Amino acid sequence: MSDQQLDSQDIQKEENSLIALRKEKLAAVRAKGNVFPNNFRRNNYCNTLHNQYADKTKEELADAAIQVKVAGRIMLNRGSFIVIQDMTGRIQIYVNRKTLPEETLISVKKWDIGDIIAAEGTIARSRKGDLYVKITSVSLLTKSLRPLPDKHHGLTDTEQRYRQRYVDLIVNEDARQTFRVRSKVIAYIRNFLMQRDFLEVETPMLHTIPSGAAAKPFKTHHNALNMEMSLRIAPELYLKRLVVGGFEKVFEINRNFRNEGISPRHNPEFTMLEFYQAFTDYEDNMDLTEELFRELAQLVLGSTDVPYGDKVFHFGEPFVRLSVFDSILKYNPDLTADDLTDINKARAIAKKVCTSLFGFESLGKLQVIIFEKLVEHKLEQPHFITQYPFEVSPLARRNNDNPNLTNRFELFIGGREIANAYSELNDAEDQAERLMAQVIEKDAGNDEAMHYDADFIRALEYGMPPTAGEGIGIDRLVMLLTNSPSIRDVILFPHMRPQA
C-alpha cells in the first residue's frame, strides 16, 4: 500500500471520528427539543451591513444602538468573536461572556465550524475598525455533521471541488464569484436581446429527430408514446419554424446534450444562446456579436480588455474577419493556394494532420480539417472566420459569388470556438438536397451527420424570410470572463466518472 493511500486512510479515520463527535452533540441538542428550528427571520445581510455603515465611527454606532438580525454559517471561531458567512459575505459577531446567559454560553462552546446560527444584537465597530454585531441573543439553526476542509489548505483537490460543489461554494469565494458572474452574464444577454425586440421562447428538449448540429445524440425512450427519442443537440430547427410562423426575432437560452468526449473545453451537457432575426444576414450578426461581447466585458470586468491566463484579449478593438481559406494561408505561410484547391494535395496535407479520415471527403471538407488542425489554436485575439464550405454547413445559405461557400462565420477567441452563425438557408429544395447528402454521409459511417427532417422541410416550403441565426456557447464565454481554465469550473455540477 502506498504512502498516499495510508495518508488517505488516516484522514478518513480522523474525519469519521469528528463526524461521530458531532453526531453526539446533535443527539444532546435533540434530547432538549426542536433541533432544526425554522422560526428565525433575519432582516440584514452581512455585506449590506458593511456597506451601509462603512462611514460610521465607533462612537456614532454606539450612540445609535442599531438593532439587527443576521444568520449564517460559522466559518471561524476566535473565542469571543465568531465569523459567520451568508450569501453576501462575512461578518463577526461578539459573544460577550459578561452579559449573555450562562445557558447560551454553554451552547456556544459546543458549536462547530460549519454550524448555521442566528444572532440578534446591535452594530458596533472594534478598536481596529472592524464592524461586528454585539449580540444579545444567539441560537443554533442547523447542526453541521461533517467538518469543513482545513482553513489553511481549503478544498484544493480539483476533482473533489467538482464532485462536492456545495463544499467548494462554502469555502471558496472565487467559486462563488464565478457563478455570480455566470448569472449576471445570462441576465444581461437576456436583457440585451429583449431591448432589441427579441422574444424569448422555449422549444422541446426531447426530439424525435436529432437535428440542428453535427453531433452524436443521447438516446432515450418515451414510454407513453412507445417511441425512441433523443435529447436535444440544438434547438435550431424549432426556432426556425417559429420564424416561419411569424416570430421574426426569437432567442432561447437552452441546455444541449451531445454524447461526445469530455475535455477542458467540452462537456456533454452545456448551455447555449441561440437567436434568429429575420431580414438580416450573417454580417449583421457579426456587428451585433461584437457589441454584445464588448458590453459584457465592460459590465463584468469594468474594461474591454479581458485577461485570460497569461494573455489579454482585446474586445474593444475590431474583431478580425478572415475567410477559412485566407486564414489557412495567413497562419501557414508554407502552404499555397494551389495546395488548398487541388484535392489530391489537400488530401495529402489533411492525412498528415488527421488520422481519422473516411477517404471520401470533398475538397471543402478537407480544407476545414486543415483549418481545424493548423489554424484554430492560433486564433488568440477575437477572429470571425467566414465563408465555410457548403459541405460542412448544411443549414447555411450559399454565397452569391461562390456557391461552394456559405455566408457563415465562427467566432474564435483564445483558440476556442465561442459562436457559430450564418445567413440561414431558406430555399426548401436546396435544404432538402443537403439533408439528403447528410443521410448519405451517415449511412457511410459518419454518426455525427444530420438526419433528414421532413417536417422542417415542410415548414420551409411555407416560406421563411431571409434570416440570420447564431449560437453562442455560454459556458465558454463565462470561462473567458472569469479566467477559468476548464469548462468544469463554470458548470455548477459537471458530470464525473463514478468513484470506486
Protein backbone atom coordinates (compact mmCIF):
# COMPACT_ATOMS: atom_id res chain seq x y z
CA MET A 1 0.00 0.00 0.00
CA SER A 2 1.38 3.42 -0.98
CA ASP A 3 2.11 6.28 1.44
CA GLN A 4 -0.63 8.27 -0.29
CA GLN A 5 -3.19 5.53 0.40
CA LEU A 6 -2.09 5.35 4.05
CA ASP A 7 -2.43 9.13 4.39
CA SER A 8 -5.90 8.94 2.83
CA GLN A 9 -6.95 6.25 5.31
CA ASP A 10 -5.65 8.31 8.24
CA ILE A 11 -7.57 11.36 7.04
CA GLN A 12 -10.73 9.27 6.64
CA LYS A 13 -10.39 7.86 10.18
CA GLU A 14 -9.95 11.34 11.61
CA GLU A 15 -12.95 12.62 9.67
CA ASN A 16 -15.08 9.70 10.86
CA SER A 17 -14.17 10.42 14.49
CA LEU A 18 -15.08 14.10 14.06
CA ILE A 19 -18.42 13.15 12.48
CA ALA A 20 -19.12 10.79 15.37
CA LEU A 21 -18.40 13.57 17.85
CA ARG A 22 -20.69 15.99 16.03
CA LYS A 23 -23.46 13.40 15.97
CA GLU A 24 -23.13 13.09 19.74
CA LYS A 25 -23.56 16.86 20.04
CA LEU A 26 -26.60 16.70 17.78
CA ALA A 27 -28.13 13.94 19.89
CA ALA A 28 -27.67 16.07 23.02
CA VAL A 29 -29.41 19.03 21.37
CA ARG A 30 -32.14 16.78 20.00
CA ALA A 31 -32.88 15.50 23.50
CA LYS A 32 -33.71 19.05 24.62
CA GLY A 33 -36.33 19.73 21.95
CA ASN A 34 -36.52 21.28 18.45
CA VAL A 35 -33.11 20.71 16.93
CA PHE A 36 -33.72 22.32 13.50
CA PRO A 37 -35.87 25.40 14.24
CA ASN A 38 -37.35 27.48 11.42
CA ASN A 39 -38.76 30.44 13.31
CA PHE A 40 -35.95 32.99 12.81
CA ARG A 41 -36.28 35.75 10.20
CA ARG A 42 -33.21 37.85 9.51
CA ASN A 43 -33.52 41.46 8.42
CA ASN A 44 -29.92 42.11 7.36
CA TYR A 45 -27.21 40.59 5.17
CA CYS A 46 -23.52 40.68 6.06
CA ASN A 47 -22.26 42.77 3.15
CA THR A 48 -25.28 45.07 3.34
CA LEU A 49 -24.27 45.97 6.88
CA HIS A 50 -20.65 46.58 5.85
CA ASN A 51 -21.77 48.86 3.01
CA GLN A 52 -24.49 50.63 4.94
CA TYR A 53 -22.32 51.56 7.91
CA ALA A 54 -18.92 51.89 6.22
CA ASP A 55 -18.62 55.58 7.09
CA LYS A 56 -19.91 55.35 10.67
CA THR A 57 -17.42 55.72 13.53
CA LYS A 58 -17.28 53.55 16.61
CA GLU A 59 -18.86 56.32 18.69
CA GLU A 60 -21.65 57.02 16.19
CA LEU A 61 -22.64 53.33 16.09
CA ALA A 62 -22.56 53.10 19.90
CA ASP A 63 -24.88 56.11 20.19
CA ALA A 64 -27.27 54.85 17.50
CA ALA A 65 -27.67 51.33 19.02
CA ILE A 66 -28.95 49.94 15.71
CA GLN A 67 -30.70 46.57 16.16
CA VAL A 68 -30.02 43.87 13.54
CA LYS A 69 -30.80 40.22 12.91
CA VAL A 70 -28.27 38.13 10.99
CA ALA A 71 -27.84 34.45 10.17
CA GLY A 72 -25.14 32.38 8.54
CA ARG A 73 -22.62 29.58 8.72
CA ILE A 74 -19.80 29.65 11.27
CA MET A 75 -16.54 29.95 9.33
CA LEU A 76 -14.12 30.98 12.10
CA ASN A 77 -14.26 30.82 15.88
CA ARG A 78 -11.92 33.24 17.60
CA GLY A 79 -13.24 32.76 21.11
CA SER A 80 -15.25 35.87 21.84
CA PHE A 81 -15.61 36.64 18.13
CA ILE A 82 -17.33 34.23 15.73
CA VAL A 83 -17.24 34.87 11.97
CA ILE A 84 -20.40 33.91 10.10
CA GLN A 85 -20.96 33.79 6.35
CA ASP A 86 -24.18 34.30 4.40
CA MET A 87 -24.87 34.58 0.66
CA THR A 88 -23.33 38.08 0.51
CA GLY A 89 -20.21 37.77 2.63
CA ARG A 90 -18.99 37.60 6.23
CA ILE A 91 -19.39 39.49 9.47
CA GLN A 92 -18.18 39.00 13.05
CA ILE A 93 -20.48 38.50 15.98
CA TYR A 94 -19.29 39.27 19.52
CA VAL A 95 -20.06 36.80 22.31
CA ASN A 96 -19.92 38.88 25.49
CA ARG A 97 -19.38 36.38 28.29
CA LYS A 98 -20.29 39.02 30.91
CA THR A 99 -23.78 39.79 29.61
CA LEU A 100 -25.07 36.64 27.89
CA PRO A 101 -26.93 33.96 29.89
CA GLU A 102 -24.85 31.02 31.12
CA GLU A 103 -27.02 28.57 29.18
CA THR A 104 -26.24 30.42 25.95
CA LEU A 105 -22.50 30.41 26.67
CA ILE A 106 -22.58 26.65 27.30
CA SER A 107 -24.35 26.08 23.97
CA VAL A 108 -21.92 28.32 22.06
CA LYS A 109 -18.95 26.30 23.35
CA LYS A 110 -20.40 23.16 21.73
CA TRP A 111 -20.84 24.69 18.30
CA ASP A 112 -18.52 23.73 15.45
CA ILE A 113 -17.19 25.33 12.29
CA GLY A 114 -19.91 24.81 9.67
CA ASP A 115 -22.88 25.13 12.04
CA ILE A 116 -25.57 27.59 10.94
CA ILE A 117 -26.65 30.06 13.58
CA ALA A 118 -28.92 33.08 14.10
CA ALA A 119 -27.92 36.19 16.04
CA GLU A 120 -29.59 39.40 17.21
CA GLY A 121 -27.85 42.47 18.57
CA THR A 122 -26.51 45.92 17.77
CA ILE A 123 -23.99 47.04 15.18
CA ALA A 124 -20.61 48.11 16.60
CA ARG A 125 -17.06 48.82 15.49
CA SER A 126 -13.90 47.49 17.14
CA ARG A 127 -10.80 49.49 18.03
CA LYS A 128 -9.16 48.10 14.90
CA GLY A 129 -12.04 49.43 12.81
CA ASP A 130 -13.81 46.12 12.11
CA LEU A 131 -17.60 46.07 12.01
CA TYR A 132 -19.32 43.44 14.18
CA VAL A 133 -22.62 42.55 15.79
CA LYS A 134 -22.66 42.81 19.58
CA ILE A 135 -25.17 40.05 20.22
CA THR A 136 -27.97 39.98 22.75
CA SER A 137 -29.14 36.51 21.73
CA VAL A 138 -27.83 33.70 19.55
CA SER A 139 -29.16 30.25 18.63
CA LEU A 140 -28.33 27.17 16.60
CA LEU A 141 -30.41 26.67 13.45
CA THR A 142 -28.63 23.75 11.77
CA LYS A 143 -26.00 21.36 13.10
CA SER A 144 -23.25 20.54 10.59
CA LEU A 145 -22.28 16.86 10.88
CA ARG A 146 -19.30 16.96 8.54
CA PRO A 147 -16.20 19.11 9.13
CA LEU A 148 -15.31 21.69 6.51
CA PRO A 149 -11.88 21.46 4.83
CA ASP A 150 -8.91 22.76 6.80
CA LYS A 151 -8.98 26.56 6.74
CA HIS A 152 -5.30 26.84 5.75
CA HIS A 153 -5.42 24.42 2.82
CA GLY A 154 -9.06 24.73 1.81
CA LEU A 155 -10.53 22.42 -0.80
CA THR A 156 -7.52 22.09 -3.10
CA ASP A 157 -8.28 18.79 -4.84
CA THR A 158 -9.79 19.84 -8.18
CA GLU A 159 -11.82 16.67 -8.68
CA GLN A 160 -13.27 16.91 -5.17
CA ARG A 161 -14.26 20.52 -5.86
CA TYR A 162 -16.30 19.36 -8.86
CA ARG A 163 -17.81 16.35 -7.09
CA GLN A 164 -18.70 18.29 -3.94
CA ARG A 165 -19.51 21.71 -5.37
CA TYR A 166 -21.59 22.52 -2.30
CA VAL A 167 -18.41 22.38 -0.18
CA ASP A 168 -16.44 24.30 -2.80
CA LEU A 169 -19.02 27.09 -2.65
CA ILE A 170 -18.90 27.22 1.15
CA VAL A 171 -15.13 27.64 1.41
CA ASN A 172 -14.11 29.18 -1.93
CA GLU A 173 -15.07 32.81 -2.58
CA ASP A 174 -13.60 32.60 -6.10
CA ALA A 175 -16.02 29.77 -6.95
CA ARG A 176 -18.95 31.75 -5.61
CA GLN A 177 -17.89 34.79 -7.64
CA THR A 178 -17.59 32.71 -10.83
CA PHE A 179 -21.21 31.65 -10.61
CA ARG A 180 -22.38 35.14 -9.68
CA VAL A 181 -20.71 36.31 -12.90
CA ARG A 182 -22.35 33.49 -14.85
CA SER A 183 -25.78 34.54 -13.58
CA LYS A 184 -25.04 38.18 -14.41
CA VAL A 185 -23.90 37.27 -17.95
CA ILE A 186 -27.07 35.31 -18.69
CA ALA A 187 -29.29 38.05 -17.24
CA TYR A 188 -27.51 40.70 -19.30
CA ILE A 189 -27.75 38.70 -22.53
CA ARG A 190 -31.46 38.23 -21.96
CA ASN A 191 -31.93 41.97 -21.37
CA PHE A 192 -29.68 42.89 -24.34
CA LEU A 193 -31.85 40.91 -26.75
CA MET A 194 -35.20 41.89 -25.26
CA GLN A 195 -34.26 45.55 -25.61
CA ARG A 196 -33.87 44.82 -29.33
CA ASP A 197 -37.37 43.31 -29.58
CA PHE A 198 -36.36 39.65 -29.44
CA LEU A 199 -38.92 37.24 -27.97
CA GLU A 200 -37.67 34.60 -25.55
CA VAL A 201 -39.12 31.16 -26.28
CA GLU A 202 -38.82 27.55 -25.14
CA THR A 203 -38.57 24.65 -27.57
CA PRO A 204 -38.59 20.88 -26.92
CA MET A 205 -35.66 19.15 -25.24
CA LEU A 206 -36.91 15.73 -26.35
CA HIS A 207 -36.58 15.33 -30.12
CA THR A 208 -37.89 12.59 -32.37
CA ILE A 209 -35.22 13.56 -34.91
CA PRO A 210 -31.87 14.87 -33.55
CA SER A 211 -31.11 17.92 -35.66
CA GLY A 212 -29.58 21.37 -35.81
CA ALA A 213 -25.93 20.34 -35.41
CA ALA A 214 -23.37 17.73 -36.42
CA ALA A 215 -23.25 15.74 -33.19
CA LYS A 216 -24.00 12.33 -31.68
CA PRO A 217 -27.15 12.43 -29.51
CA PHE A 218 -28.09 10.82 -26.22
CA LYS A 219 -30.90 8.30 -26.76
CA THR A 220 -33.91 7.71 -24.53
CA HIS A 221 -37.34 6.06 -24.69
CA HIS A 222 -40.76 7.65 -24.25
CA ASN A 223 -42.86 5.01 -22.50
CA ALA A 224 -46.31 6.54 -23.00
CA LEU A 225 -45.78 7.05 -26.74
CA ASN A 226 -43.62 3.92 -27.05
CA MET A 227 -41.06 5.66 -29.22
CA GLU A 228 -37.34 6.29 -29.29
CA MET A 229 -36.32 9.89 -28.71
CA SER A 230 -33.12 11.91 -28.37
CA LEU A 231 -32.07 14.66 -26.01
CA ARG A 232 -31.73 17.95 -27.86
CA ILE A 233 -28.40 18.58 -29.58
CA ALA A 234 -29.58 22.04 -30.74
CA PRO A 235 -32.87 23.99 -30.85
CA GLU A 236 -32.14 25.42 -34.30
CA LEU A 237 -34.81 23.82 -36.46
CA TYR A 238 -37.58 24.56 -33.97
CA LEU A 239 -36.51 28.20 -33.70
CA LYS A 240 -36.57 28.49 -37.49
CA ARG A 241 -40.09 27.04 -37.50
CA LEU A 242 -41.04 29.96 -35.26
CA VAL A 243 -39.56 32.43 -37.75
CA VAL A 244 -41.69 30.77 -40.43
CA GLY A 245 -44.67 31.22 -38.10
CA GLY A 246 -44.11 34.98 -37.89
CA PHE A 247 -41.96 35.37 -34.76
CA GLU A 248 -39.28 37.25 -36.66
CA LYS A 249 -36.86 37.80 -33.74
CA VAL A 250 -36.57 34.92 -31.26
CA PHE A 251 -34.00 33.57 -28.84
CA GLU A 252 -33.59 30.69 -26.42
CA ILE A 253 -31.04 30.16 -23.65
CA ASN A 254 -31.03 26.40 -23.76
CA ARG A 255 -29.42 23.23 -22.48
CA ASN A 256 -27.99 20.97 -25.18
CA PHE A 257 -26.77 17.38 -24.89
CA ARG A 258 -24.13 15.81 -27.14
CA ASN A 259 -22.85 12.30 -26.50
CA GLU A 260 -19.23 13.16 -27.10
CA GLY A 261 -15.91 13.43 -25.30
CA ILE A 262 -15.04 15.45 -22.22
CA SER A 263 -12.16 17.93 -22.16
CA PRO A 264 -11.27 21.28 -20.55
CA ARG A 265 -13.47 22.94 -23.20
CA HIS A 266 -16.11 20.25 -23.84
CA ASN A 267 -18.91 18.96 -21.63
CA PRO A 268 -21.67 16.64 -22.92
CA GLU A 269 -24.32 18.86 -21.27
CA PHE A 270 -23.85 22.56 -21.93
CA THR A 271 -25.68 25.89 -22.22
CA MET A 272 -26.14 27.79 -25.47
CA LEU A 273 -27.73 31.01 -26.55
CA GLU A 274 -29.40 30.73 -29.96
CA PHE A 275 -31.09 33.68 -31.61
CA TYR A 276 -32.65 34.34 -35.01
CA GLN A 277 -33.68 37.60 -36.66
CA ALA A 278 -35.45 37.97 -39.98
CA PHE A 279 -34.38 40.41 -42.69
CA THR A 280 -30.72 40.37 -41.60
CA ASP A 281 -27.63 38.44 -42.69
CA TYR A 282 -24.54 36.96 -41.02
CA GLU A 283 -22.63 40.24 -41.28
CA ASP A 284 -25.33 41.93 -39.19
CA ASN A 285 -24.79 39.19 -36.62
CA MET A 286 -21.06 39.90 -36.55
CA ASP A 287 -21.77 43.52 -35.68
CA LEU A 288 -24.32 42.54 -33.03
CA THR A 289 -21.91 39.98 -31.50
CA GLU A 290 -19.06 42.49 -31.22
CA GLU A 291 -21.42 44.91 -29.47
CA LEU A 292 -22.66 42.23 -27.07
CA PHE A 293 -19.18 40.99 -26.15
CA ARG A 294 -17.83 44.50 -25.55
CA GLU A 295 -20.73 45.40 -23.29
CA LEU A 296 -20.43 42.12 -21.37
CA ALA A 297 -16.72 42.63 -20.74
CA GLN A 298 -17.33 46.19 -19.57
CA LEU A 299 -20.14 45.01 -17.27
CA VAL A 300 -18.22 42.12 -15.70
CA LEU A 301 -14.65 43.43 -15.70
CA GLY A 302 -15.06 47.18 -16.00
CA SER A 303 -12.87 47.04 -19.10
CA THR A 304 -12.91 45.70 -22.66
CA ASP A 305 -9.51 44.10 -22.03
CA VAL A 306 -10.14 40.51 -20.92
CA PRO A 307 -7.26 38.81 -19.05
CA TYR A 308 -7.06 35.06 -19.53
CA GLY A 309 -4.11 33.10 -18.17
CA ASP A 310 -1.01 34.91 -19.36
CA LYS A 311 -2.86 36.63 -22.23
CA VAL A 312 -5.17 39.60 -22.62
CA PHE A 313 -7.95 39.57 -25.22
CA HIS A 314 -8.92 42.98 -26.57
CA PHE A 315 -12.69 43.14 -27.02
CA GLY A 316 -12.57 46.91 -27.57
CA GLU A 317 -10.75 46.55 -30.89
CA PRO A 318 -12.50 45.50 -34.13
CA PHE A 319 -12.62 41.71 -34.35
CA VAL A 320 -10.52 40.25 -37.18
CA ARG A 321 -12.58 38.96 -40.12
CA LEU A 322 -10.98 36.28 -42.32
CA SER A 323 -12.28 33.52 -44.56
CA VAL A 324 -11.40 29.89 -43.83
CA PHE A 325 -9.27 29.81 -46.99
CA ASP A 326 -7.39 33.04 -46.24
CA SER A 327 -6.81 32.13 -42.61
CA ILE A 328 -5.10 28.87 -43.60
CA LEU A 329 -2.71 30.75 -45.87
CA LYS A 330 -2.11 33.55 -43.33
CA TYR A 331 -1.20 31.23 -40.45
CA ASN A 332 0.62 28.62 -42.58
CA PRO A 333 2.94 30.56 -44.94
CA ASP A 334 4.45 27.30 -46.19
CA LEU A 335 1.12 26.41 -47.87
CA THR A 336 -0.09 27.86 -51.19
CA ALA A 337 -3.49 28.43 -52.73
CA ASP A 338 -2.76 25.52 -55.07
CA ASP A 339 -2.27 23.22 -52.06
CA LEU A 340 -5.82 24.03 -50.95
CA THR A 341 -7.56 23.94 -54.34
CA ASP A 342 -6.02 20.69 -55.65
CA ILE A 343 -7.98 17.89 -53.97
CA ASN A 344 -5.07 15.44 -54.04
CA LYS A 345 -2.68 17.93 -52.44
CA ALA A 346 -5.31 18.94 -49.88
CA ARG A 347 -5.95 15.28 -49.02
CA ALA A 348 -2.23 14.65 -48.53
CA ILE A 349 -1.99 17.62 -46.12
CA ALA A 350 -5.14 16.52 -44.26
CA LYS A 351 -3.75 12.99 -43.85
CA LYS A 352 -0.66 14.37 -42.14
CA VAL A 353 -2.69 16.22 -39.51
CA CYS A 354 -5.74 13.96 -39.11
CA THR A 355 -5.69 10.19 -38.69
CA SER A 356 -9.47 9.66 -38.88
CA LEU A 357 -10.31 10.47 -42.49
CA PHE A 358 -13.10 8.47 -44.10
CA GLY A 359 -11.46 8.62 -47.52
CA PHE A 360 -14.35 10.24 -49.41
CA GLU A 361 -14.08 13.80 -48.09
CA SER A 362 -14.78 16.62 -50.53
CA LEU A 363 -12.34 19.45 -51.14
CA GLY A 364 -14.32 21.76 -48.86
CA LYS A 365 -14.32 19.21 -46.05
CA LEU A 366 -10.56 18.71 -46.42
CA GLN A 367 -9.99 22.47 -46.20
CA VAL A 368 -11.96 22.62 -42.96
CA ILE A 369 -9.96 19.70 -41.49
CA ILE A 370 -6.73 21.56 -42.35
CA PHE A 371 -8.15 24.73 -40.78
CA GLU A 372 -9.16 22.92 -37.57
CA LYS A 373 -5.77 21.28 -37.14
CA LEU A 374 -3.42 24.04 -38.31
CA VAL A 375 -5.23 27.33 -37.62
CA GLU A 376 -7.82 27.18 -34.82
CA HIS A 377 -5.36 27.07 -31.94
CA LYS A 378 -3.53 30.11 -33.33
CA LEU A 379 -6.58 32.40 -33.23
CA GLU A 380 -5.84 34.17 -29.94
CA GLN A 381 -7.47 37.58 -30.36
CA PRO A 382 -11.15 37.61 -31.44
CA HIS A 383 -11.48 36.31 -35.01
CA PHE A 384 -14.58 35.94 -37.14
CA ILE A 385 -13.72 33.08 -39.54
CA THR A 386 -16.09 33.31 -42.52
CA GLN A 387 -17.08 31.59 -45.77
CA TYR A 388 -17.18 27.96 -44.72
CA PRO A 389 -17.59 25.36 -47.49
CA PHE A 390 -21.23 24.36 -48.04
CA GLU A 391 -20.41 20.66 -47.41
CA VAL A 392 -19.81 21.38 -43.71
CA SER A 393 -22.62 23.93 -43.42
CA PRO A 394 -25.80 22.02 -44.30
CA LEU A 395 -28.13 24.67 -42.85
CA ALA A 396 -26.38 27.82 -44.14
CA ARG A 397 -27.17 29.94 -47.19
CA ARG A 398 -24.80 29.72 -50.15
CA ASN A 399 -22.64 32.68 -51.04
CA ASN A 400 -23.94 34.61 -54.07
CA ASP A 401 -20.49 34.96 -55.64
CA ASN A 402 -19.26 31.41 -54.92
CA PRO A 403 -21.95 28.73 -54.39
CA ASN A 404 -19.31 26.34 -52.99
CA LEU A 405 -19.12 28.60 -49.91
CA THR A 406 -21.71 29.73 -47.39
CA ASN A 407 -22.43 33.01 -45.63
CA ARG A 408 -21.31 31.70 -42.29
CA PHE A 409 -18.88 32.63 -39.53
CA GLU A 410 -17.47 31.10 -36.39
CA LEU A 411 -16.05 33.32 -33.65
CA PHE A 412 -12.77 32.17 -32.11
CA ILE A 413 -11.14 33.66 -29.01
CA GLY A 414 -8.12 32.13 -27.32
CA GLY A 415 -8.06 29.33 -29.90
CA ARG A 416 -11.60 28.24 -28.95
CA GLU A 417 -14.83 28.42 -30.90
CA ILE A 418 -17.24 30.67 -28.98
CA ALA A 419 -20.01 31.25 -31.54
CA ASN A 420 -21.36 29.88 -34.81
CA ALA A 421 -23.64 31.87 -37.11
CA TYR A 422 -24.87 32.13 -40.67
CA SER A 423 -27.36 33.54 -43.05
CA GLU A 424 -29.99 30.83 -42.87
CA LEU A 425 -30.81 28.63 -45.83
CA ASN A 426 -34.45 29.35 -46.68
CA ASP A 427 -34.56 27.56 -50.04
CA ALA A 428 -36.61 24.45 -49.20
CA GLU A 429 -35.42 22.46 -52.23
CA ASP A 430 -31.73 23.22 -51.62
CA GLN A 431 -32.18 22.36 -47.93
CA ALA A 432 -33.82 19.02 -48.80
CA GLU A 433 -30.91 18.13 -51.08
CA ARG A 434 -28.32 18.98 -48.43
CA LEU A 435 -30.07 16.98 -45.73
CA MET A 436 -30.23 14.00 -48.09
CA ALA A 437 -26.45 14.37 -48.60
CA GLN A 438 -26.09 14.24 -44.81
CA VAL A 439 -28.10 11.00 -44.74
CA ILE A 440 -25.68 9.50 -47.29
CA GLU A 441 -22.76 10.51 -45.04
CA LYS A 442 -24.47 8.93 -42.05
CA ASP A 443 -25.04 5.70 -43.95
CA ALA A 444 -21.35 5.72 -44.88
CA GLY A 445 -20.34 5.75 -41.21
CA ASN A 446 -20.37 9.38 -40.05
CA ASP A 447 -22.52 9.12 -36.88
CA GLU A 448 -22.38 12.92 -36.42
CA ALA A 449 -24.07 13.66 -39.76
CA MET A 450 -27.60 15.04 -39.61
CA HIS A 451 -30.89 13.23 -40.04
CA TYR A 452 -33.50 14.18 -42.63
CA ASP A 453 -36.30 16.20 -41.03
CA ALA A 454 -39.30 16.14 -43.36
CA ASP A 455 -41.42 18.43 -41.16
CA PHE A 456 -38.72 21.10 -41.18
CA ILE A 457 -38.62 20.97 -44.97
CA ARG A 458 -42.42 21.29 -44.99
CA ALA A 459 -42.11 24.38 -42.76
CA LEU A 460 -39.61 25.95 -45.19
CA GLU A 461 -42.00 25.26 -48.05
CA TYR A 462 -44.46 27.70 -46.44
CA GLY A 463 -41.71 30.30 -46.75
CA MET A 464 -39.12 31.63 -44.28
CA PRO A 465 -37.99 35.26 -44.70
CA PRO A 466 -34.29 35.98 -45.18
CA THR A 467 -32.90 35.31 -41.70
CA ALA A 468 -29.63 35.26 -39.78
CA GLY A 469 -29.12 32.97 -36.78
CA GLU A 470 -26.38 32.41 -34.24
CA GLY A 471 -25.40 30.14 -31.37
CA ILE A 472 -23.07 31.33 -28.59
CA GLY A 473 -21.57 28.93 -26.05
CA ILE A 474 -22.43 30.40 -22.65
CA ASP A 475 -20.01 28.12 -20.77
CA ARG A 476 -17.01 29.08 -22.89
CA LEU A 477 -17.96 32.75 -22.74
CA VAL A 478 -18.11 32.61 -18.93
CA MET A 479 -14.73 30.81 -18.92
CA LEU A 480 -13.23 33.81 -20.71
CA LEU A 481 -14.84 36.41 -18.46
CA THR A 482 -13.85 34.60 -15.23
CA ASN A 483 -10.37 33.49 -16.32
CA SER A 484 -11.34 29.84 -15.77
CA PRO A 485 -9.07 27.19 -17.34
CA SER A 486 -11.68 24.40 -17.52
CA ILE A 487 -15.33 24.29 -18.55
CA ARG A 488 -16.00 22.37 -15.32
CA ASP A 489 -15.04 25.48 -13.37
CA VAL A 490 -18.11 27.30 -14.74
CA ILE A 491 -20.64 24.42 -14.53
CA LEU A 492 -22.10 24.02 -11.07
CA PHE A 493 -22.41 20.24 -11.16
CA PRO A 494 -20.31 18.75 -14.00
CA HIS A 495 -20.70 15.05 -14.69
CA MET A 496 -17.89 12.88 -13.32
CA ARG A 497 -16.96 9.23 -13.60
CA PRO A 498 -18.29 7.19 -10.65
CA GLN A 499 -15.90 6.89 -7.74
CA ALA A 500 -14.63 3.44 -6.82
